[in-house]
Structure formats: structure tokens, C-alpha cells
Amino acid sequence: TSYDYDAPIDEYGLIRQPKYGHLKDLHKAIKSCEKALLNADP
């Protein structure tokens, strides 16, 4: 019945740390690279 999936937000709607926060930091880091990533080939 539970489909929790070890997701960043758990089955009950609570933030699961450190998964949520670490991914949030990843997203921020990637967004800071966005211009270079989308205008150059690696």
C-alpha cells in the first residue's frame, strides 16, 4: 500500500533528508553551469 519509493518527499509529505537537500544543492550547482552546458559541446 505504501509507495514511498525512498523519494525526497516521503509518503506522508515530509521532507526526507539528506536526499532532498543534497539534490537541491546539486540542482543549484548545475543551474550555475547552465549557460556553458547549453552552448558548448563537452
All heavy atoms as atom14 arrays in JSON, in Angstrom:
{
  "sequence": "TSYDYDAPIDEYGLIRQPKYGHLKDLHKAIKSCEKALLNADP",
  "atom14_mask": [
    [1, 1, 1, 1, 1, 1, 1, 0, 0, 0, 0, 0, 0, 0],
    [1, 1, 1, 1, 1, 1, 0, 0, 0, 0, 0, 0, 0, 0],
    [1, 1, 1, 1, 1, 1, 1, 1, 1, 1, 1, 1, 0, 0],
    [1, 1, 1, 1, 1, 1, 1, 1, 0, 0, 0, 0, 0, 0],
    [1, 1, 1, 1, 1, 1, 1, 1, 1, 1, 1, 1, 0, 0],
    [1, 1, 1, 1, 1, 1, 1, 1, 0, 0, 0, 0, 0, 0],
    [1, 1, 1, 1, 1, 0, 0, 0, 0, 0, 0, 0, 0, 0],
    [1, 1, 1, 1, 1, 1, 1, 0, 0, 0, 0, 0, 0, 0],
    [1, 1, 1, 1, 1, 1, 1, 1, 0, 0, 0, 0, 0, 0],
    [1, 1, 1, 1, 1, 1, 1, 1, 0, 0, 0, 0, 0, 0],
    [1, 1, 1, 1, 1, 1, 1, 1, 1, 0, 0, 0, 0, 0],
    [1, 1, 1, 1, 1, 1, 1, 1, 1, 1, 1, 1, 0, 0],
    [1, 1, 1, 1, 0, 0, 0, 0, 0, 0, 0, 0, 0, 0],
    [1, 1, 1, 1, 1, 1, 1, 1, 0, 0, 0, 0, 0, 0],
    [1, 1, 1, 1, 1, 1, 1, 1, 0, 0, 0, 0, 0, 0],
    [1, 1, 1, 1, 1, 1, 1, 1, 1, 1, 1, 0, 0, 0],
    [1, 1, 1, 1, 1, 1, 1, 1, 1, 0, 0, 0, 0, 0],
    [1, 1, 1, 1, 1, 1, 1, 0, 0, 0, 0, 0, 0, 0],
    [1, 1, 1, 1, 1, 1, 1, 1, 1, 0, 0, 0, 0, 0],
    [1, 1, 1, 1, 1, 1, 1, 1, 1, 1, 1, 1, 0, 0],
    [1, 1, 1, 1, 0, 0, 0, 0, 0, 0, 0, 0, 0, 0],
    [1, 1, 1, 1, 1, 1, 1, 1, 1, 1, 0, 0, 0, 0],
    [1, 1, 1, 1, 1, 1, 1, 1, 0, 0, 0, 0, 0, 0],
    [1, 1, 1, 1, 1, 1, 1, 1, 1, 0, 0, 0, 0, 0],
    [1, 1, 1, 1, 1, 1, 1, 1, 0, 0, 0, 0, 0, 0],
    [1, 1, 1, 1, 1, 1, 1, 1, 0, 0, 0, 0, 0, 0],
    [1, 1, 1, 1, 1, 1, 1, 1, 1, 1, 0, 0, 0, 0],
    [1, 1, 1, 1, 1, 1, 1, 1, 1, 0, 0, 0, 0, 0],
    [1, 1, 1, 1, 1, 0, 0, 0, 0, 0, 0, 0, 0, 0],
    [1, 1, 1, 1, 1, 1, 1, 1, 0, 0, 0, 0, 0, 0],
    [1, 1, 1, 1, 1, 1, 1, 1, 1, 0, 0, 0, 0, 0],
    [1, 1, 1, 1, 1, 1, 0, 0, 0, 0, 0, 0, 0, 0],
    [1, 1, 1, 1, 1, 1, 0, 0, 0, 0, 0, 0, 0, 0],
    [1, 1, 1, 1, 1, 1, 1, 1, 1, 0, 0, 0, 0, 0],
    [1, 1, 1, 1, 1, 1, 1, 1, 1, 0, 0, 0, 0, 0],
    [1, 1, 1, 1, 1, 0, 0, 0, 0, 0, 0, 0, 0, 0],
    [1, 1, 1, 1, 1, 1, 1, 1, 0, 0, 0, 0, 0, 0],
    [1, 1, 1, 1, 1, 1, 1, 1, 0, 0, 0, 0, 0, 0],
    [1, 1, 1, 1, 1, 1, 1, 1, 0, 0, 0, 0, 0, 0],
    [1, 1, 1, 1, 1, 0, 0, 0, 0, 0, 0, 0, 0, 0],
    [1, 1, 1, 1, 1, 1, 1, 1, 0, 0, 0, 0, 0, 0],
    [1, 1, 1, 1, 1, 1, 1, 0, 0, 0, 0, 0, 0, 0]
  ],
  "atom14_positions": [
    [[0.84, -1.2, 0.0], [0.0, 0.0, 0.0], [0.87, 1.25, 0.0], [0.55, 2.25, -0.63], [-0.94, -0.02, 1.2], [-1.84, -1.13, 1.05], [-1.75, 1.25, 1.32], [0.0, 0.0, 0.0], [0.0, 0.0, 0.0], [0.0, 0.0, 0.0], [0.0, 0.0, 0.0], [0.0, 0.0, 0.0], [0.0, 0.0, 0.0], [0.0, 0.0, 0.0]],
    [[1.98, 1.2, 0.71], [2.92, 2.32, 0.67], [3.65, 2.34, -0.66], [4.15, 1.31, -1.13], [3.94, 2.19, 1.8], [4.97, 3.16, 1.66], [0.0, 0.0, 0.0], [0.0, 0.0, 0.0], [0.0, 0.0, 0.0], [0.0, 0.0, 0.0], [0.0, 0.0, 0.0], [0.0, 0.0, 0.0], [0.0, 0.0, 0.0], [0.0, 0.0, 0.0]],
    [[3.73, 3.52, -1.27], [4.53, 3.7, -2.49], [5.59, 4.77, -2.2], [5.82, 5.67, -3.0], [3.63, 4.1, -3.66], [4.26, 3.87, -5.02], [4.54, 2.6, -5.48], [4.56, 4.94, -5.86], [5.11, 2.39, -6.72], [5.12, 4.74, -7.11], [5.39, 3.46, -7.54], [5.95, 3.25, -8.78], [0.0, 0.0, 0.0], [0.0, 0.0, 0.0]],
    [[6.21, 4.66, -1.04], [7.15, 5.68, -0.57], [8.32, 5.88, -1.52], [8.75, 6.99, -1.77], [7.65, 5.3, 0.82], [8.6, 6.31, 1.38], [8.13, 7.32, 1.93], [9.84, 6.12, 1.26], [0.0, 0.0, 0.0], [0.0, 0.0, 0.0], [0.0, 0.0, 0.0], [0.0, 0.0, 0.0], [0.0, 0.0, 0.0], [0.0, 0.0, 0.0]],
    [[8.89, 4.8, -2.01], [9.91, 4.8, -3.06], [11.24, 5.43, -2.61], [12.09, 5.73, -3.42], [9.41, 5.53, -4.31], [9.76, 4.83, -5.6], [8.89, 3.9, -6.15], [10.95, 5.08, -6.27], [9.2, 3.24, -7.33], [11.27, 4.42, -7.45], [10.4, 3.5, -7.96], [10.7, 2.83, -9.13], [0.0, 0.0, 0.0], [0.0, 0.0, 0.0]],
    [[11.39, 5.65, -1.28], [12.58, 6.33, -0.77], [12.79, 7.67, -1.49], [13.9, 8.08, -1.8], [13.83, 5.45, -0.91], [15.01, 5.97, -0.09], [14.79, 6.43, 1.04], [16.16, 5.91, -0.58], [0.0, 0.0, 0.0], [0.0, 0.0, 0.0], [0.0, 0.0, 0.0], [0.0, 0.0, 0.0], [0.0, 0.0, 0.0], [0.0, 0.0, 0.0]],
    [[11.68, 8.36, -1.73], [11.7, 9.6, -2.51], [12.13, 10.78, -1.64], [12.08, 10.72, -0.4], [10.3, 9.87, -3.08], [0.0, 0.0, 0.0], [0.0, 0.0, 0.0], [0.0, 0.0, 0.0], [0.0, 0.0, 0.0], [0.0, 0.0, 0.0], [0.0, 0.0, 0.0], [0.0, 0.0, 0.0], [0.0, 0.0, 0.0], [0.0, 0.0, 0.0]],
    [[12.56, 11.89, -2.25], [12.97, 13.07, -1.47], [11.86, 13.62, -0.57], [12.15, 14.19, 0.48], [13.35, 14.08, -2.57], [13.77, 13.24, -3.72], [12.87, 12.04, -3.69], [0.0, 0.0, 0.0], [0.0, 0.0, 0.0], [0.0, 0.0, 0.0], [0.0, 0.0, 0.0], [0.0, 0.0, 0.0], [0.0, 0.0, 0.0], [0.0, 0.0, 0.0]],
    [[10.6, 13.48, -0.98], [9.47, 13.78, -0.1], [8.8, 12.45, 0.21], [8.4, 11.73, -0.71], [8.47, 14.75, -0.77], [9.16, 16.03, -1.22], [7.33, 15.08, 0.19], [8.27, 16.97, -2.02], [0.0, 0.0, 0.0], [0.0, 0.0, 0.0], [0.0, 0.0, 0.0], [0.0, 0.0, 0.0], [0.0, 0.0, 0.0], [0.0, 0.0, 0.0]],
    [[8.67, 12.11, 1.5], [8.23, 10.77, 1.84], [6.73, 10.59, 1.64], [6.02, 11.52, 1.23], [8.67, 10.39, 3.25], [7.85, 11.05, 4.36], [6.82, 11.7, 4.09], [8.26, 10.91, 5.53], [0.0, 0.0, 0.0], [0.0, 0.0, 0.0], [0.0, 0.0, 0.0], [0.0, 0.0, 0.0], [0.0, 0.0, 0.0], [0.0, 0.0, 0.0]],
    [[6.25, 9.38, 1.92], [4.86, 9.03, 1.68], [3.89, 9.99, 2.35], [2.8, 10.27, 1.84], [4.6, 7.61, 2.2], [3.16, 7.15, 2.06], [2.91, 5.78, 2.65], [3.85, 5.18, 3.21], [1.76, 5.3, 2.53], [0.0, 0.0, 0.0], [0.0, 0.0, 0.0], [0.0, 0.0, 0.0], [0.0, 0.0, 0.0], [0.0, 0.0, 0.0]],
    [[4.28, 10.55, 3.49], [3.39, 11.4, 4.28], [3.51, 12.87, 3.93], [2.84, 13.71, 4.52], [3.69, 11.19, 5.77], [3.45, 9.77, 6.22], [4.44, 8.79, 6.05], [2.26, 9.38, 6.8], [4.23, 7.48, 6.44], [2.03, 8.07, 7.2], [3.03, 7.13, 7.01], [2.81, 5.83, 7.4], [0.0, 0.0, 0.0], [0.0, 0.0, 0.0]],
    [[4.4, 13.19, 3.0], [4.6, 14.58, 2.61], [5.7, 15.28, 3.36], [5.87, 16.5, 3.21], [0.0, 0.0, 0.0], [0.0, 0.0, 0.0], [0.0, 0.0, 0.0], [0.0, 0.0, 0.0], [0.0, 0.0, 0.0], [0.0, 0.0, 0.0], [0.0, 0.0, 0.0], [0.0, 0.0, 0.0], [0.0, 0.0, 0.0], [0.0, 0.0, 0.0]],
    [[6.48, 14.55, 4.17], [7.6, 15.13, 4.91], [8.88, 15.07, 4.07], [9.1, 14.11, 3.32], [7.81, 14.39, 6.22], [6.64, 14.42, 7.22], [6.97, 13.55, 8.43], [6.34, 15.85, 7.66], [0.0, 0.0, 0.0], [0.0, 0.0, 0.0], [0.0, 0.0, 0.0], [0.0, 0.0, 0.0], [0.0, 0.0, 0.0], [0.0, 0.0, 0.0]],
    [[9.7, 16.08, 4.23], [10.98, 16.12, 3.53], [11.9, 15.04, 4.11], [12.03, 14.89, 5.32], [11.62, 17.51, 3.65], [10.86, 18.51, 2.76], [13.09, 17.48, 3.3], [11.3, 19.93, 2.92], [0.0, 0.0, 0.0], [0.0, 0.0, 0.0], [0.0, 0.0, 0.0], [0.0, 0.0, 0.0], [0.0, 0.0, 0.0], [0.0, 0.0, 0.0]],
    [[12.5, 14.26, 3.22], [13.44, 13.21, 3.63], [14.86, 13.74, 3.41], [15.27, 14.01, 2.27], [13.21, 11.94, 2.81], [14.28, 10.88, 3.01], [13.98, 9.59, 2.27], [13.05, 8.76, 3.03], [11.86, 8.38, 2.6], [11.43, 8.79, 1.41], [11.09, 7.62, 3.35], [0.0, 0.0, 0.0], [0.0, 0.0, 0.0], [0.0, 0.0, 0.0]],
    [[15.56, 13.89, 4.52], [16.95, 14.33, 4.45], [17.88, 13.16, 4.73], [17.52, 12.27, 5.49], [17.2, 15.46, 5.48], [16.38, 16.71, 5.25], [16.86, 17.52, 4.06], [17.48, 16.99, 3.12], [16.56, 18.81, 4.07], [0.0, 0.0, 0.0], [0.0, 0.0, 0.0], [0.0, 0.0, 0.0], [0.0, 0.0, 0.0], [0.0, 0.0, 0.0]],
    [[19.05, 13.11, 4.08], [19.63, 14.2, 3.3], [19.29, 14.18, 1.82], [19.82, 14.98, 1.05], [21.13, 13.95, 3.49], [21.24, 12.46, 3.58], [20.01, 12.02, 4.34], [0.0, 0.0, 0.0], [0.0, 0.0, 0.0], [0.0, 0.0, 0.0], [0.0, 0.0, 0.0], [0.0, 0.0, 0.0], [0.0, 0.0, 0.0], [0.0, 0.0, 0.0]],
    [[18.4, 13.28, 1.37], [18.14, 13.14, -0.06], [17.63, 14.44, -0.67], [18.12, 14.9, -1.7], [17.17, 11.98, -0.32], [16.95, 11.68, -1.8], [16.33, 10.32, -2.02], [17.36, 9.22, -1.92], [16.83, 7.89, -2.31], [0.0, 0.0, 0.0], [0.0, 0.0, 0.0], [0.0, 0.0, 0.0], [0.0, 0.0, 0.0], [0.0, 0.0, 0.0]],
    [[16.63, 15.05, -0.02], [16.04, 16.28, -0.55], [17.07, 17.4, -0.63], [17.24, 18.04, -1.68], [14.87, 16.68, 0.35], [14.2, 17.99, 0.0], [13.09, 18.01, -0.86], [14.63, 19.19, 0.54], [12.45, 19.21, -1.16], [14.0, 20.39, 0.24], [12.91, 20.4, -0.61], [12.28, 21.59, -0.91], [0.0, 0.0, 0.0], [0.0, 0.0, 0.0]],
    [[17.78, 17.65, 0.46], [18.7, 18.77, 0.5], [19.91, 18.6, -0.39], [20.39, 19.56, -1.01], [0.0, 0.0, 0.0], [0.0, 0.0, 0.0], [0.0, 0.0, 0.0], [0.0, 0.0, 0.0], [0.0, 0.0, 0.0], [0.0, 0.0, 0.0], [0.0, 0.0, 0.0], [0.0, 0.0, 0.0], [0.0, 0.0, 0.0], [0.0, 0.0, 0.0]],
    [[20.43, 17.37, -0.46], [21.61, 17.14, -1.3], [21.26, 17.33, -2.78], [22.05, 17.91, -3.54], [22.13, 15.73, -1.04], [23.51, 15.48, -1.59], [24.59, 16.29, -1.33], [23.99, 14.48, -2.4], [25.66, 15.82, -1.94], [25.32, 14.72, -2.61], [0.0, 0.0, 0.0], [0.0, 0.0, 0.0], [0.0, 0.0, 0.0], [0.0, 0.0, 0.0]],
    [[20.08, 16.86, -3.19], [19.66, 17.08, -4.57], [19.41, 18.56, -4.84], [19.71, 19.06, -5.93], [18.41, 16.25, -4.88], [18.6, 14.73, -4.9], [17.27, 14.03, -5.17], [19.65, 14.3, -5.93], [0.0, 0.0, 0.0], [0.0, 0.0, 0.0], [0.0, 0.0, 0.0], [0.0, 0.0, 0.0], [0.0, 0.0, 0.0], [0.0, 0.0, 0.0]],
    [[18.85, 19.25, -3.85], [18.64, 20.7, -4.01], [19.97, 21.4, -4.26], [20.07, 22.27, -5.15], [17.97, 21.26, -2.76], [17.73, 22.75, -2.79], [17.04, 23.24, -1.52], [16.81, 24.75, -1.56], [16.08, 25.21, -0.34], [0.0, 0.0, 0.0], [0.0, 0.0, 0.0], [0.0, 0.0, 0.0], [0.0, 0.0, 0.0], [0.0, 0.0, 0.0]],
    [[21.0, 21.02, -3.53], [22.32, 21.61, -3.74], [22.87, 21.25, -5.12], [23.52, 22.07, -5.78], [23.29, 21.13, -2.66], [22.94, 21.68, -1.27], [22.18, 22.66, -1.19], [23.43, 21.11, -0.27], [0.0, 0.0, 0.0], [0.0, 0.0, 0.0], [0.0, 0.0, 0.0], [0.0, 0.0, 0.0], [0.0, 0.0, 0.0], [0.0, 0.0, 0.0]],
    [[22.61, 20.02, -5.56], [23.02, 19.61, -6.91], [22.36, 20.48, -7.96], [23.0, 20.95, -8.91], [22.68, 18.14, -7.12], [22.8, 17.61, -8.56], [24.25, 17.64, -9.02], [22.24, 16.2, -8.67], [0.0, 0.0, 0.0], [0.0, 0.0, 0.0], [0.0, 0.0, 0.0], [0.0, 0.0, 0.0], [0.0, 0.0, 0.0], [0.0, 0.0, 0.0]],
    [[21.04, 20.68, -7.82], [20.32, 21.49, -8.81], [20.88, 22.91, -8.88], [21.05, 23.47, -9.97], [18.82, 21.55, -8.45], [18.2, 20.2, -8.32], [17.1, 19.95, -7.53], [18.54, 19.0, -8.88], [16.78, 18.68, -7.61], [17.63, 18.08, -8.42], [0.0, 0.0, 0.0], [0.0, 0.0, 0.0], [0.0, 0.0, 0.0], [0.0, 0.0, 0.0]],
    [[21.19, 23.47, -7.72], [21.74, 24.83, -7.69], [23.1, 24.87, -8.39], [23.39, 25.8, -9.17], [21.87, 25.29, -6.24], [22.37, 26.71, -6.07], [22.41, 27.11, -4.6], [22.93, 28.53, -4.43], [22.98, 28.92, -2.99], [0.0, 0.0, 0.0], [0.0, 0.0, 0.0], [0.0, 0.0, 0.0], [0.0, 0.0, 0.0], [0.0, 0.0, 0.0]],
    [[23.91, 23.86, -8.16], [25.23, 23.82, -8.79], [25.1, 23.69, -10.31], [25.82, 24.37, -11.07], [26.04, 22.67, -8.22], [0.0, 0.0, 0.0], [0.0, 0.0, 0.0], [0.0, 0.0, 0.0], [0.0, 0.0, 0.0], [0.0, 0.0, 0.0], [0.0, 0.0, 0.0], [0.0, 0.0, 0.0], [0.0, 0.0, 0.0], [0.0, 0.0, 0.0]],
    [[24.19, 22.83, -10.77], [24.01, 22.64, -12.21], [23.48, 23.92, -12.86], [23.93, 24.31, -13.95], [23.06, 21.46, -12.48], [23.7, 20.14, -12.04], [22.68, 21.4, -13.97], [24.95, 19.76, -12.79], [0.0, 0.0, 0.0], [0.0, 0.0, 0.0], [0.0, 0.0, 0.0], [0.0, 0.0, 0.0], [0.0, 0.0, 0.0], [0.0, 0.0, 0.0]],
    [[22.52, 24.56, -12.21], [21.96, 25.79, -12.78], [23.03, 26.86, -12.93], [22.97, 27.68, -13.86], [20.82, 26.3, -11.9], [19.58, 25.41, -11.89], [18.82, 25.45, -13.2], [17.49, 24.71, -13.07], [16.68, 24.77, -14.31], [0.0, 0.0, 0.0], [0.0, 0.0, 0.0], [0.0, 0.0, 0.0], [0.0, 0.0, 0.0], [0.0, 0.0, 0.0]],
    [[24.02, 26.85, -12.04], [25.1, 27.84, -12.16], [25.99, 27.57, -13.37], [26.76, 28.44, -13.79], [25.94, 27.86, -10.88], [26.68, 26.66, -10.73], [0.0, 0.0, 0.0], [0.0, 0.0, 0.0], [0.0, 0.0, 0.0], [0.0, 0.0, 0.0], [0.0, 0.0, 0.0], [0.0, 0.0, 0.0], [0.0, 0.0, 0.0], [0.0, 0.0, 0.0]],
    [[25.87, 26.36, -13.92], [26.65, 26.0, -15.12], [25.8, 26.06, -16.39], [26.31, 25.73, -17.47], [27.19, 24.57, -14.98], [28.16, 24.22, -13.52], [0.0, 0.0, 0.0], [0.0, 0.0, 0.0], [0.0, 0.0, 0.0], [0.0, 0.0, 0.0], [0.0, 0.0, 0.0], [0.0, 0.0, 0.0], [0.0, 0.0, 0.0], [0.0, 0.0, 0.0]],
    [[24.53, 26.4, -16.28], [23.57, 26.19, -17.37], [24.01, 26.83, -18.68], [23.93, 26.21, -19.75], [22.2, 26.72, -16.95], [21.1, 26.42, -17.95], [19.72, 26.78, -17.41], [19.64, 27.63, -16.51], [18.73, 26.2, -17.88], [0.0, 0.0, 0.0], [0.0, 0.0, 0.0], [0.0, 0.0, 0.0], [0.0, 0.0, 0.0], [0.0, 0.0, 0.0]],
    [[24.49, 28.04, -18.63], [24.86, 28.74, -19.87], [25.96, 28.01, -20.61], [25.89, 27.81, -21.84], [25.29, 30.18, -19.55], [25.45, 31.05, -20.78], [25.73, 32.5, -20.39], [25.89, 33.37, -21.63], [26.19, 34.79, -21.25], [0.0, 0.0, 0.0], [0.0, 0.0, 0.0], [0.0, 0.0, 0.0], [0.0, 0.0, 0.0], [0.0, 0.0, 0.0]],
    [[26.96, 27.57, -19.89], [28.07, 26.83, -20.53], [27.6, 25.48, -21.05], [27.95, 25.08, -22.17], [29.22, 26.66, -19.55], [0.0, 0.0, 0.0], [0.0, 0.0, 0.0], [0.0, 0.0, 0.0], [0.0, 0.0, 0.0], [0.0, 0.0, 0.0], [0.0, 0.0, 0.0], [0.0, 0.0, 0.0], [0.0, 0.0, 0.0], [0.0, 0.0, 0.0]],
    [[26.79, 24.78, -20.25], [26.36, 23.44, -20.65], [25.52, 23.45, -21.92], [25.57, 22.5, -22.71], [25.56, 22.79, -19.52], [26.28, 22.54, -18.19], [25.35, 21.88, -17.19], [27.53, 21.71, -18.39], [0.0, 0.0, 0.0], [0.0, 0.0, 0.0], [0.0, 0.0, 0.0], [0.0, 0.0, 0.0], [0.0, 0.0, 0.0], [0.0, 0.0, 0.0]],
    [[24.75, 24.51, -22.12], [23.82, 24.55, -23.25], [24.38, 25.26, -24.47], [23.7, 25.33, -25.5], [22.52, 25.23, -22.81], [21.72, 24.45, -21.75], [20.49, 25.23, -21.35], [21.34, 23.07, -22.26], [0.0, 0.0, 0.0], [0.0, 0.0, 0.0], [0.0, 0.0, 0.0], [0.0, 0.0, 0.0], [0.0, 0.0, 0.0], [0.0, 0.0, 0.0]],
    [[25.6, 25.78, -24.38], [26.16, 26.5, -25.52], [27.51, 25.97, -25.94], [28.21, 26.62, -26.71], [26.27, 27.99, -25.18], [24.91, 28.66, -25.11], [24.31, 28.97, -26.13], [24.42, 28.87, -23.89], [0.0, 0.0, 0.0], [0.0, 0.0, 0.0], [0.0, 0.0, 0.0], [0.0, 0.0, 0.0], [0.0, 0.0, 0.0], [0.0, 0.0, 0.0]],
    [[27.87, 24.8, -25.43], [29.15, 24.2, -25.81], [29.01, 22.69, -25.79], [28.18, 22.13, -25.06], [30.26, 24.64, -24.86], [0.0, 0.0, 0.0], [0.0, 0.0, 0.0], [0.0, 0.0, 0.0], [0.0, 0.0, 0.0], [0.0, 0.0, 0.0], [0.0, 0.0, 0.0], [0.0, 0.0, 0.0], [0.0, 0.0, 0.0], [0.0, 0.0, 0.0]],
    [[29.81, 22.03, -26.62], [29.87, 20.58, -26.59], [30.98, 20.16, -25.63], [32.04, 20.78, -25.57], [30.18, 20.03, -27.98], [29.04, 20.28, -28.95], [27.87, 20.19, -28.52], [29.33, 20.59, -30.12], [0.0, 0.0, 0.0], [0.0, 0.0, 0.0], [0.0, 0.0, 0.0], [0.0, 0.0, 0.0], [0.0, 0.0, 0.0], [0.0, 0.0, 0.0]],
    [[30.75, 19.09, -24.85], [31.77, 18.71, -23.87], [32.99, 18.08, -24.53], [32.89, 17.38, -25.53], [31.03, 17.68, -23.0], [29.97, 17.11, -23.89], [29.57, 18.24, -24.8], [0.0, 0.0, 0.0], [0.0, 0.0, 0.0], [0.0, 0.0, 0.0], [0.0, 0.0, 0.0], [0.0, 0.0, 0.0], [0.0, 0.0, 0.0], [0.0, 0.0, 0.0]]
  ]
}
